[in-house]
Amino acid sequence: MPGIAMMLDQVEAWILETAASVWIYPAMFASAYIDGFFPPVPSESVLVTLVISAQATGVPWLWLIIPVAAVGAWLGDQTAYLIGRRYGTERLAGMRSARGRKTVSWARRALARRGAVFIIAARYIPVGRVAVNMTAGALGYPQRRFMVFSGVAAVLWVAYSTLIGIAAAEVLGHSPLLAMVVGVVGGGLLGLVVDRVVQAFTPREEVLEEMRTQAPVAVVEEASELA
């Protein structure tokens, strides 16, 4: 953990030095986008720190940094989904073993029954979002549904991170690391609430059938054997 804390401190220091530069906007976009399929990039820390900087110094402009972060996050999620869709479960690390195939079978059922909570809540957990999004693509989770849920997740993530940044600037002593911990817990609870709402309008049998027709043949066979 000391290594992670040191990395976050270095990122924070660099952002505060460059917050007034026009390059901070493409940097925010790149961070949010790459974080969608490469977890070591700390987009939460970048966004929260920029919000703190905006509150303290007036730069960068929140009205611009917020949509930039949201679009980058959404596109990053789509990239992760397409990577999973393109290469399937057999080429994804950790899914080749018997245990991995059982995990795939479980994830398929979980995504069908709790797709919204998986996709939305995972947005607040760096490694979790990549695993869930790639698995959704590999298992043939309906792409349109994924685009909608990941869009909701991106908007809520940006809004929540912005509020966390404002709270950090006012209450938490300008500590993005502490704000991120609070964000992970709150994000999981937020995903549960949204999932309840979505379930009221989306019959799970409909999602299961759509996944059966869209999933790669190999994945369907694996799930049938391990169910």
Protein backbone atom coordinates (compact mmCIF):
# COMPACT_ATOMS: atom_id res chain seq x y z
CA MET A 1 0.00 0.00 0.00
CA PRO A 2 2.83 2.53 0.61
CA GLY A 3 3.75 2.22 -3.09
CA ILE A 4 0.19 3.00 -4.18
CA ALA A 5 -0.03 5.96 -1.77
CA MET A 6 3.28 7.31 -3.10
CA MET A 7 2.05 6.99 -6.70
CA LEU A 8 -1.18 8.83 -5.88
CA ASP A 9 0.78 11.60 -4.12
CA GLN A 10 2.99 12.01 -7.19
CA VAL A 11 -0.03 12.15 -9.50
CA GLU A 12 -1.68 14.74 -7.24
CA ALA A 13 1.42 16.94 -7.20
CA TRP A 14 1.75 16.78 -10.98
CA ILE A 15 -1.93 17.63 -11.55
CA LEU A 16 -1.85 20.64 -9.23
CA GLU A 17 1.18 21.97 -11.13
CA THR A 18 -0.44 21.57 -14.54
CA ALA A 19 -4.11 22.29 -13.71
CA ALA A 20 -4.00 25.67 -15.42
CA SER A 21 -2.66 24.21 -18.68
CA VAL A 22 -4.94 23.46 -21.63
CA TRP A 23 -3.32 20.02 -21.78
CA ILE A 24 -5.04 19.02 -18.55
CA TYR A 25 -8.26 18.35 -20.48
CA PRO A 26 -6.83 15.78 -22.93
CA ALA A 27 -4.87 14.36 -19.99
CA MET A 28 -8.13 13.87 -18.06
CA PHE A 29 -9.74 12.25 -21.09
CA ALA A 30 -6.78 9.90 -21.61
CA SER A 31 -6.74 8.97 -17.93
CA ALA A 32 -10.46 8.15 -17.82
CA TYR A 33 -10.31 6.30 -21.14
CA ILE A 34 -7.24 4.15 -20.46
CA ASP A 35 -8.47 3.34 -16.95
CA GLY A 36 -11.37 1.51 -18.59
CA PHE A 37 -9.08 -1.33 -19.67
CA PHE A 38 -5.80 -0.65 -17.81
CA PRO A 39 -6.50 -0.32 -14.05
CA PRO A 40 -3.11 1.06 -12.93
CA VAL A 41 -4.07 4.46 -14.42
CA PRO A 42 -5.69 6.29 -11.42
CA SER A 43 -8.51 8.23 -13.09
CA GLU A 44 -10.43 8.67 -9.81
CA SER A 45 -7.44 10.36 -8.23
CA VAL A 46 -7.00 12.57 -11.29
CA LEU A 47 -10.63 13.70 -11.34
CA VAL A 48 -10.95 14.22 -7.59
CA THR A 49 -7.72 16.19 -7.49
CA LEU A 50 -8.80 18.37 -10.41
CA VAL A 51 -12.07 19.13 -8.63
CA ILE A 52 -10.11 20.06 -5.51
CA SER A 53 -7.85 22.29 -7.59
CA ALA A 54 -10.87 23.93 -9.23
CA GLN A 55 -12.38 24.65 -5.84
CA ALA A 56 -9.14 26.11 -4.52
CA THR A 57 -7.78 27.99 -7.56
CA GLY A 58 -10.56 28.22 -10.15
CA VAL A 59 -8.72 25.99 -12.64
CA PRO A 60 -9.36 23.78 -14.46
CA TRP A 61 -12.91 24.65 -15.54
CA LEU A 62 -15.34 22.18 -14.00
CA TRP A 63 -17.93 22.73 -16.74
CA LEU A 64 -15.39 21.29 -19.23
CA ILE A 65 -13.49 18.74 -17.16
CA ILE A 66 -16.69 16.93 -16.09
CA PRO A 67 -18.00 16.00 -19.58
CA VAL A 68 -14.46 15.20 -20.75
CA ALA A 69 -14.07 12.71 -17.89
CA ALA A 70 -17.51 11.17 -18.50
CA VAL A 71 -16.95 10.63 -22.23
CA GLY A 72 -13.48 9.20 -21.62
CA ALA A 73 -14.79 6.79 -18.97
CA TRP A 74 -17.64 5.60 -21.19
CA LEU A 75 -15.40 5.01 -24.20
CA GLY A 76 -12.90 3.15 -22.01
CA ASP A 77 -15.67 0.81 -20.85
CA GLN A 78 -16.70 0.15 -24.45
CA THR A 79 -13.11 -0.70 -25.32
CA ALA A 80 -12.92 -3.21 -22.45
CA TYR A 81 -16.20 -4.76 -23.59
CA LEU A 82 -14.96 -5.09 -27.18
CA ILE A 83 -11.67 -6.63 -26.04
CA GLY A 84 -13.65 -9.29 -24.19
CA ARG A 85 -16.01 -9.73 -27.14
CA ARG A 86 -13.13 -10.06 -29.60
CA TYR A 87 -10.91 -12.49 -27.71
CA GLY A 88 -13.47 -14.41 -25.64
CA THR A 89 -12.89 -16.07 -22.29
CA GLU A 90 -10.19 -18.50 -23.39
CA ARG A 91 -7.72 -15.71 -24.14
CA LEU A 92 -8.41 -13.68 -21.02
CA ALA A 93 -5.93 -14.26 -18.22
CA GLY A 94 -7.28 -16.30 -15.34
CA MET A 95 -10.15 -17.86 -17.30
CA ARG A 96 -8.42 -20.86 -18.88
CA SER A 97 -8.38 -23.16 -15.84
CA ALA A 98 -11.27 -25.26 -14.56
CA ARG A 99 -11.78 -22.73 -11.81
CA GLY A 100 -11.71 -19.94 -14.36
CA ARG A 101 -14.37 -21.65 -16.48
CA LYS A 102 -16.56 -22.08 -13.42
CA THR A 103 -16.09 -18.38 -12.69
CA VAL A 104 -17.16 -17.59 -16.26
CA SER A 105 -20.30 -19.69 -15.83
CA TRP A 106 -21.09 -17.93 -12.56
CA ALA A 107 -20.39 -14.48 -14.04
CA ARG A 108 -22.72 -15.20 -16.93
CA ARG A 109 -25.61 -15.96 -14.58
CA ALA A 110 -24.72 -13.04 -12.30
CA LEU A 111 -24.58 -10.56 -15.18
CA ALA A 112 -27.97 -11.78 -16.40
CA ARG A 113 -29.60 -11.45 -12.99
CA ARG A 114 -27.68 -8.46 -11.64
CA GLY A 115 -26.26 -6.81 -14.75
CA ALA A 116 -26.92 -3.25 -13.66
CA VAL A 117 -25.42 -3.61 -10.20
CA PHE A 118 -22.36 -5.43 -11.59
CA ILE A 119 -21.66 -2.87 -14.30
CA ILE A 120 -22.54 0.26 -12.31
CA ALA A 121 -20.97 -0.71 -8.99
CA ALA A 122 -17.82 -1.97 -10.71
CA ARG A 123 -17.23 1.53 -12.13
CA TYR A 124 -16.12 2.57 -8.63
CA ILE A 125 -13.56 -0.26 -8.26
CA PRO A 126 -10.52 0.12 -10.59
CA VAL A 127 -9.74 -3.58 -11.18
CA GLY A 128 -13.39 -4.62 -10.84
CA ARG A 129 -14.58 -2.43 -13.68
CA VAL A 130 -12.11 -3.96 -16.14
CA ALA A 131 -12.91 -7.55 -15.10
CA VAL A 132 -16.67 -7.04 -15.28
CA ASN A 133 -16.62 -5.12 -18.56
CA MET A 134 -14.34 -7.59 -20.34
CA THR A 135 -16.33 -10.52 -19.00
CA ALA A 136 -19.57 -8.90 -20.19
CA GLY A 137 -18.12 -8.72 -23.71
CA ALA A 138 -16.72 -12.25 -23.60
CA LEU A 139 -20.03 -13.70 -22.40
CA GLY A 140 -22.15 -11.92 -24.99
CA TYR A 141 -23.94 -9.60 -22.58
CA PRO A 142 -26.30 -7.51 -24.77
CA GLN A 143 -24.20 -4.64 -26.12
CA ARG A 144 -27.00 -2.09 -26.14
CA ARG A 145 -27.79 -2.79 -22.52
CA PHE A 146 -24.12 -2.59 -21.67
CA MET A 147 -23.80 0.78 -23.44
CA VAL A 148 -26.75 2.15 -21.48
CA PHE A 149 -25.64 0.80 -18.09
CA SER A 150 -22.02 1.86 -18.63
CA GLY A 151 -23.27 5.30 -19.71
CA VAL A 152 -25.28 5.61 -16.50
CA ALA A 153 -22.23 4.37 -14.59
CA ALA A 154 -19.95 6.97 -16.21
CA VAL A 155 -22.32 9.87 -15.47
CA LEU A 156 -22.88 8.76 -11.87
CA TRP A 157 -19.15 8.16 -11.41
CA VAL A 158 -18.28 11.67 -12.59
CA ALA A 159 -21.05 13.27 -10.52
CA TYR A 160 -20.09 11.30 -7.45
CA SER A 161 -16.36 11.97 -7.89
CA THR A 162 -17.11 15.67 -8.29
CA LEU A 163 -19.08 15.73 -5.05
CA ILE A 164 -16.30 13.80 -3.33
CA GLY A 165 -13.77 16.34 -4.60
CA ILE A 166 -15.85 19.22 -3.31
CA ALA A 167 -16.27 17.48 0.05
CA ALA A 168 -12.55 16.74 0.16
CA ALA A 169 -11.74 20.39 -0.46
CA GLU A 170 -14.08 21.49 2.31
CA VAL A 171 -13.97 18.69 4.89
CA LEU A 172 -11.37 16.00 4.24
CA GLY A 173 -8.29 18.16 4.27
CA HIS A 174 -7.66 17.94 0.51
CA SER A 175 -7.06 14.17 0.68
CA PRO A 176 -7.97 12.44 -2.60
CA LEU A 177 -6.89 9.06 -1.22
CA LEU A 178 -9.38 9.25 1.65
CA ALA A 179 -12.05 10.53 -0.73
CA MET A 180 -11.48 7.52 -3.00
CA VAL A 181 -12.01 5.08 -0.13
CA VAL A 182 -15.32 6.76 0.68
CA GLY A 183 -16.20 6.69 -3.02
CA VAL A 184 -15.71 2.93 -3.38
CA VAL A 185 -18.08 2.17 -0.50
CA GLY A 186 -20.68 4.70 -1.57
CA GLY A 187 -20.42 3.61 -5.20
CA GLY A 188 -21.28 0.01 -4.34
CA LEU A 189 -24.37 1.15 -2.44
CA LEU A 190 -25.35 3.43 -5.32
CA GLY A 191 -25.11 0.50 -7.75
CA LEU A 192 -27.48 -1.54 -5.57
CA VAL A 193 -30.09 1.23 -5.61
CA VAL A 194 -29.90 1.64 -9.41
CA ASP A 195 -30.09 -2.14 -9.88
CA ARG A 196 -33.39 -2.28 -7.99
CA VAL A 197 -34.86 0.38 -10.27
CA VAL A 198 -33.62 -1.34 -13.45
CA GLN A 199 -34.98 -4.74 -12.39
CA ALA A 200 -38.48 -3.26 -12.16
CA PHE A 201 -38.41 -2.59 -15.93
CA THR A 202 -36.17 -5.41 -17.26
CA PRO A 203 -37.35 -9.04 -16.94
CA ARG A 204 -34.28 -11.17 -16.30
CA GLU A 205 -35.60 -13.97 -18.57
CA GLU A 206 -35.43 -11.54 -21.47
CA VAL A 207 -31.77 -10.78 -20.74
CA LEU A 208 -30.90 -14.47 -20.35
CA GLU A 209 -32.42 -15.31 -23.71
CA GLU A 210 -30.66 -12.41 -25.41
CA MET A 211 -27.33 -13.53 -23.94
CA ARG A 212 -27.90 -17.10 -25.15
CA THR A 213 -28.36 -15.87 -28.71
CA GLN A 214 -25.42 -13.44 -28.68
CA ALA A 215 -22.76 -15.32 -26.69
CA PRO A 216 -19.98 -17.13 -28.58
CA VAL A 217 -20.71 -20.85 -29.06
CA ALA A 218 -17.73 -21.93 -26.93
CA VAL A 219 -18.94 -19.82 -24.02
CA VAL A 220 -22.47 -21.20 -24.23
CA GLU A 221 -21.13 -24.76 -24.21
CA GLU A 222 -18.88 -24.02 -21.21
CA ALA A 223 -21.74 -22.48 -19.27
CA SER A 224 -24.02 -25.43 -20.05
CA GLU A 225 -21.43 -27.97 -18.93
CA LEU A 226 -20.64 -26.15 -15.69
CA ALA A 227 -24.13 -25.02 -14.73
